[in-house]
N, C-alpha and C. Protein backbone atom coordinates (compact mmCIF):
# COMPACT_ATOMS: atom_id res chain seq x y z
N UNK A 1 -14.80 -8.78 5.61
CA UNK A 1 -13.83 -8.03 6.40
C UNK A 1 -14.02 -8.42 7.87
N UNK A 2 -12.96 -8.43 8.59
CA UNK A 2 -12.97 -8.78 10.01
C UNK A 2 -13.95 -7.89 10.78
N UNK A 3 -14.40 -8.35 11.96
CA UNK A 3 -15.37 -7.59 12.75
C UNK A 3 -14.72 -6.61 13.73
N UNK A 4 -13.43 -6.33 13.57
CA UNK A 4 -12.73 -5.40 14.46
C UNK A 4 -13.16 -3.97 14.15
N UNK A 5 -13.09 -3.11 15.16
CA UNK A 5 -13.42 -1.69 14.97
C UNK A 5 -12.25 -0.93 14.35
N UNK A 6 -11.02 -1.36 14.65
CA UNK A 6 -9.82 -0.69 14.16
C UNK A 6 -8.88 -1.71 13.54
N UNK A 7 -8.07 -1.26 12.58
CA UNK A 7 -7.08 -2.13 11.97
C UNK A 7 -5.72 -1.45 12.02
N UNK A 8 -4.68 -2.25 12.24
CA UNK A 8 -3.32 -1.72 12.15
C UNK A 8 -3.00 -1.52 10.67
N UNK A 9 -1.91 -0.84 10.40
CA UNK A 9 -1.52 -0.65 9.00
C UNK A 9 -1.22 -1.98 8.32
N UNK A 10 -0.61 -2.90 9.06
CA UNK A 10 -0.29 -4.22 8.50
C UNK A 10 -1.57 -4.99 8.17
N UNK A 11 -2.55 -4.94 9.07
CA UNK A 11 -3.82 -5.63 8.82
C UNK A 11 -4.56 -5.00 7.64
N UNK A 12 -4.56 -3.69 7.59
CA UNK A 12 -5.23 -2.99 6.49
C UNK A 12 -4.57 -3.34 5.16
N UNK A 13 -3.25 -3.35 5.14
CA UNK A 13 -2.52 -3.69 3.92
C UNK A 13 -2.87 -5.09 3.45
N UNK A 14 -2.92 -6.02 4.38
CA UNK A 14 -3.24 -7.40 4.03
C UNK A 14 -4.67 -7.52 3.49
N UNK A 15 -5.61 -6.82 4.11
CA UNK A 15 -7.00 -6.87 3.66
C UNK A 15 -7.18 -6.26 2.27
N UNK A 16 -6.47 -5.17 2.00
CA UNK A 16 -6.61 -4.48 0.72
C UNK A 16 -5.77 -5.15 -0.36
N UNK A 17 -4.66 -5.78 0.06
CA UNK A 17 -3.79 -6.42 -0.92
C UNK A 17 -2.67 -5.54 -1.41
N UNK A 18 -2.19 -4.65 -0.53
CA UNK A 18 -1.07 -3.77 -0.86
C UNK A 18 -0.04 -3.88 0.25
N UNK A 19 1.08 -3.21 0.09
CA UNK A 19 2.12 -3.24 1.13
C UNK A 19 1.81 -2.25 2.25
N UNK A 20 2.46 -2.45 3.38
CA UNK A 20 2.32 -1.49 4.49
C UNK A 20 2.82 -0.12 4.09
N UNK A 21 3.87 -0.09 3.28
CA UNK A 21 4.42 1.19 2.81
C UNK A 21 3.36 1.96 2.03
N UNK A 22 2.61 1.26 1.21
CA UNK A 22 1.53 1.90 0.45
C UNK A 22 0.48 2.47 1.39
N UNK A 23 0.11 1.72 2.42
CA UNK A 23 -0.87 2.21 3.38
C UNK A 23 -0.33 3.46 4.09
N UNK A 24 0.94 3.44 4.49
CA UNK A 24 1.54 4.62 5.11
C UNK A 24 1.51 5.82 4.16
N UNK A 25 1.80 5.57 2.89
CA UNK A 25 1.78 6.65 1.89
C UNK A 25 0.37 7.22 1.76
N UNK A 26 -0.63 6.34 1.74
CA UNK A 26 -2.03 6.79 1.63
C UNK A 26 -2.43 7.61 2.85
N UNK A 27 -1.96 7.21 4.03
CA UNK A 27 -2.25 7.97 5.26
C UNK A 27 -1.60 9.35 5.16
N UNK A 28 -0.33 9.37 4.75
CA UNK A 28 0.41 10.63 4.66
C UNK A 28 -0.21 11.59 3.65
N UNK A 29 -0.73 11.07 2.54
CA UNK A 29 -1.32 11.93 1.51
C UNK A 29 -2.80 12.20 1.75
N UNK A 30 -3.38 11.57 2.79
CA UNK A 30 -4.77 11.84 3.13
C UNK A 30 -5.79 10.99 2.39
N UNK A 31 -5.33 9.98 1.66
CA UNK A 31 -6.28 9.10 0.96
C UNK A 31 -7.06 8.24 1.94
N UNK A 32 -6.40 7.89 3.04
CA UNK A 32 -7.05 7.13 4.12
C UNK A 32 -6.83 7.91 5.41
N UNK A 33 -7.89 8.08 6.18
CA UNK A 33 -7.78 8.74 7.48
C UNK A 33 -7.36 7.70 8.52
N UNK A 34 -6.42 8.07 9.38
CA UNK A 34 -5.95 7.17 10.43
C UNK A 34 -5.63 8.00 11.67
N UNK A 35 -5.68 7.33 12.81
CA UNK A 35 -5.32 7.97 14.07
C UNK A 35 -4.02 7.37 14.56
N UNK A 36 -3.18 8.21 15.13
CA UNK A 36 -1.92 7.73 15.67
C UNK A 36 -2.10 7.37 17.14
N UNK A 37 -1.73 6.16 17.48
CA UNK A 37 -1.80 5.67 18.85
C UNK A 37 -0.37 5.27 19.23
N UNK A 38 0.26 6.10 20.04
CA UNK A 38 1.67 5.87 20.34
C UNK A 38 2.48 6.10 19.08
N UNK A 39 3.23 5.08 18.65
CA UNK A 39 4.02 5.17 17.43
C UNK A 39 3.31 4.55 16.23
N UNK A 40 2.17 3.94 16.46
CA UNK A 40 1.46 3.22 15.40
C UNK A 40 0.23 3.98 14.93
N UNK A 41 -0.15 3.72 13.68
CA UNK A 41 -1.40 4.24 13.15
C UNK A 41 -2.46 3.15 13.20
N UNK A 42 -3.68 3.56 13.47
CA UNK A 42 -4.82 2.64 13.40
C UNK A 42 -5.87 3.25 12.47
N UNK A 43 -6.52 2.38 11.74
CA UNK A 43 -7.50 2.82 10.75
C UNK A 43 -8.86 2.31 11.16
N UNK A 44 -9.81 3.21 11.23
CA UNK A 44 -11.17 2.86 11.61
C UNK A 44 -11.78 1.94 10.55
N UNK A 45 -12.50 0.93 10.98
CA UNK A 45 -13.12 -0.04 10.08
C UNK A 45 -13.95 0.66 9.01
N UNK A 46 -14.76 1.62 9.40
CA UNK A 46 -15.63 2.30 8.44
C UNK A 46 -14.81 3.06 7.40
N UNK A 47 -13.67 3.62 7.80
CA UNK A 47 -12.80 4.33 6.86
C UNK A 47 -12.22 3.36 5.84
N UNK A 48 -11.78 2.20 6.30
CA UNK A 48 -11.22 1.20 5.40
C UNK A 48 -12.29 0.67 4.45
N UNK A 49 -13.47 0.41 4.98
CA UNK A 49 -14.58 -0.06 4.15
C UNK A 49 -14.94 0.96 3.08
N UNK A 50 -14.97 2.22 3.47
CA UNK A 50 -15.31 3.30 2.54
C UNK A 50 -14.26 3.40 1.43
N UNK A 51 -13.00 3.26 1.81
CA UNK A 51 -11.93 3.35 0.83
C UNK A 51 -12.02 2.20 -0.19
N UNK A 52 -12.29 1.01 0.30
CA UNK A 52 -12.41 -0.15 -0.59
C UNK A 52 -13.61 0.01 -1.51
N UNK A 53 -14.73 0.48 -0.98
CA UNK A 53 -15.94 0.67 -1.78
C UNK A 53 -15.78 1.75 -2.84
N UNK A 54 -14.89 2.71 -2.60
CA UNK A 54 -14.73 3.83 -3.53
C UNK A 54 -13.93 3.46 -4.77
N UNK A 55 -13.50 2.22 -4.86
CA UNK A 55 -12.72 1.73 -6.01
C UNK A 55 -11.42 2.49 -6.20
N UNK A 56 -10.86 3.02 -5.14
CA UNK A 56 -9.58 3.71 -5.22
C UNK A 56 -8.42 2.74 -5.05
N UNK A 57 -8.73 1.48 -4.72
CA UNK A 57 -7.67 0.49 -4.55
C UNK A 57 -7.10 0.16 -5.92
N UNK A 58 -5.80 0.34 -6.10
CA UNK A 58 -5.21 0.09 -7.41
C UNK A 58 -5.29 -1.38 -7.79
N UNK A 59 -5.46 -1.64 -9.07
CA UNK A 59 -5.51 -3.03 -9.49
C UNK A 59 -4.11 -3.62 -9.49
N UNK A 60 -4.05 -4.93 -9.60
CA UNK A 60 -2.79 -5.65 -9.47
C UNK A 60 -1.80 -5.25 -10.56
N UNK A 61 -2.26 -5.01 -11.78
CA UNK A 61 -1.35 -4.62 -12.87
C UNK A 61 -0.64 -3.31 -12.55
N UNK A 62 -1.36 -2.36 -12.00
CA UNK A 62 -0.76 -1.08 -11.65
C UNK A 62 0.31 -1.25 -10.58
N UNK A 63 0.04 -2.09 -9.59
CA UNK A 63 1.01 -2.33 -8.52
C UNK A 63 2.26 -3.01 -9.08
N UNK A 64 2.07 -3.99 -9.96
CA UNK A 64 3.21 -4.69 -10.54
C UNK A 64 4.04 -3.73 -11.38
N UNK A 65 3.39 -2.91 -12.20
CA UNK A 65 4.10 -1.94 -13.02
C UNK A 65 4.93 -0.99 -12.15
N UNK A 66 4.34 -0.53 -11.06
CA UNK A 66 5.05 0.36 -10.15
C UNK A 66 6.30 -0.32 -9.59
N UNK A 67 6.17 -1.57 -9.17
CA UNK A 67 7.30 -2.29 -8.60
C UNK A 67 8.39 -2.53 -9.64
N UNK A 68 7.99 -2.87 -10.87
CA UNK A 68 8.97 -3.08 -11.94
C UNK A 68 9.70 -1.78 -12.24
N UNK A 69 8.97 -0.67 -12.29
CA UNK A 69 9.60 0.63 -12.53
C UNK A 69 10.63 0.96 -11.44
N UNK A 70 10.31 0.64 -10.19
CA UNK A 70 11.26 0.89 -9.10
C UNK A 70 12.52 0.05 -9.26
N UNK A 71 12.35 -1.22 -9.64
CA UNK A 71 13.51 -2.10 -9.81
C UNK A 71 14.38 -1.60 -10.96
N UNK A 72 13.75 -1.24 -12.07
CA UNK A 72 14.51 -0.75 -13.22
C UNK A 72 15.24 0.54 -12.87
N UNK A 73 14.58 1.42 -12.14
CA UNK A 73 15.21 2.68 -11.75
C UNK A 73 16.43 2.43 -10.86
N UNK A 74 16.27 1.50 -9.94
CA UNK A 74 17.34 1.25 -8.98
C UNK A 74 18.48 0.39 -9.55
N UNK A 75 18.12 -0.61 -10.36
CA UNK A 75 19.12 -1.58 -10.83
C UNK A 75 19.28 -1.59 -12.35
N UNK A 76 18.87 -0.51 -13.01
CA UNK A 76 18.90 -0.46 -14.46
C UNK A 76 20.24 -0.79 -15.07
N UNK A 77 21.31 -0.19 -14.57
CA UNK A 77 22.66 -0.45 -15.11
C UNK A 77 23.04 -1.91 -14.94
N UNK A 78 22.77 -2.44 -13.78
CA UNK A 78 23.10 -3.84 -13.50
C UNK A 78 22.31 -4.77 -14.41
N UNK A 79 21.03 -4.48 -14.62
CA UNK A 79 20.21 -5.30 -15.50
C UNK A 79 20.72 -5.27 -16.94
N UNK A 80 21.15 -4.10 -17.40
CA UNK A 80 21.71 -3.97 -18.75
C UNK A 80 22.99 -4.80 -18.88
N UNK A 81 23.84 -4.74 -17.84
CA UNK A 81 25.08 -5.50 -17.88
C UNK A 81 24.80 -7.01 -17.89
N UNK A 82 23.83 -7.44 -17.11
CA UNK A 82 23.47 -8.86 -17.10
C UNK A 82 22.88 -9.29 -18.43
N UNK A 83 22.10 -8.41 -19.05
CA UNK A 83 21.51 -8.74 -20.34
C UNK A 83 22.52 -8.81 -21.45
N UNK A 84 23.65 -8.14 -21.30
CA UNK A 84 24.70 -8.13 -22.33
C UNK A 84 25.54 -9.40 -22.30
N UNK A 85 25.49 -10.13 -21.21
CA UNK A 85 26.32 -11.34 -21.07
C UNK A 85 25.81 -12.48 -21.89
C-alpha cells in the first residue's frame, strides 16, 4: 500500500479493487470511516488497512454477480427481446 497518510475515495477504490460508488456506499453505511474535506472524503491509511485486513472486502465473484443483477434489473426486457431474435 502507498505510504500516504490519507487516500481519496478514488485511490481507496483502486487499492481495494472496487468502484468509487462502492467506497461511497461503505462510507455512508459506516463500514469505512472517512473525513470530509470540502466536498471530498478522505480515508485515513490505518482505516483502509484495517478494513482490508478484516476480510470485509468482497471477492470478485460477488462484485460480478452484483453488477450482473443490476444490468438484468435495468435492461431485463431488452435482453429478453434480444434473446428472442
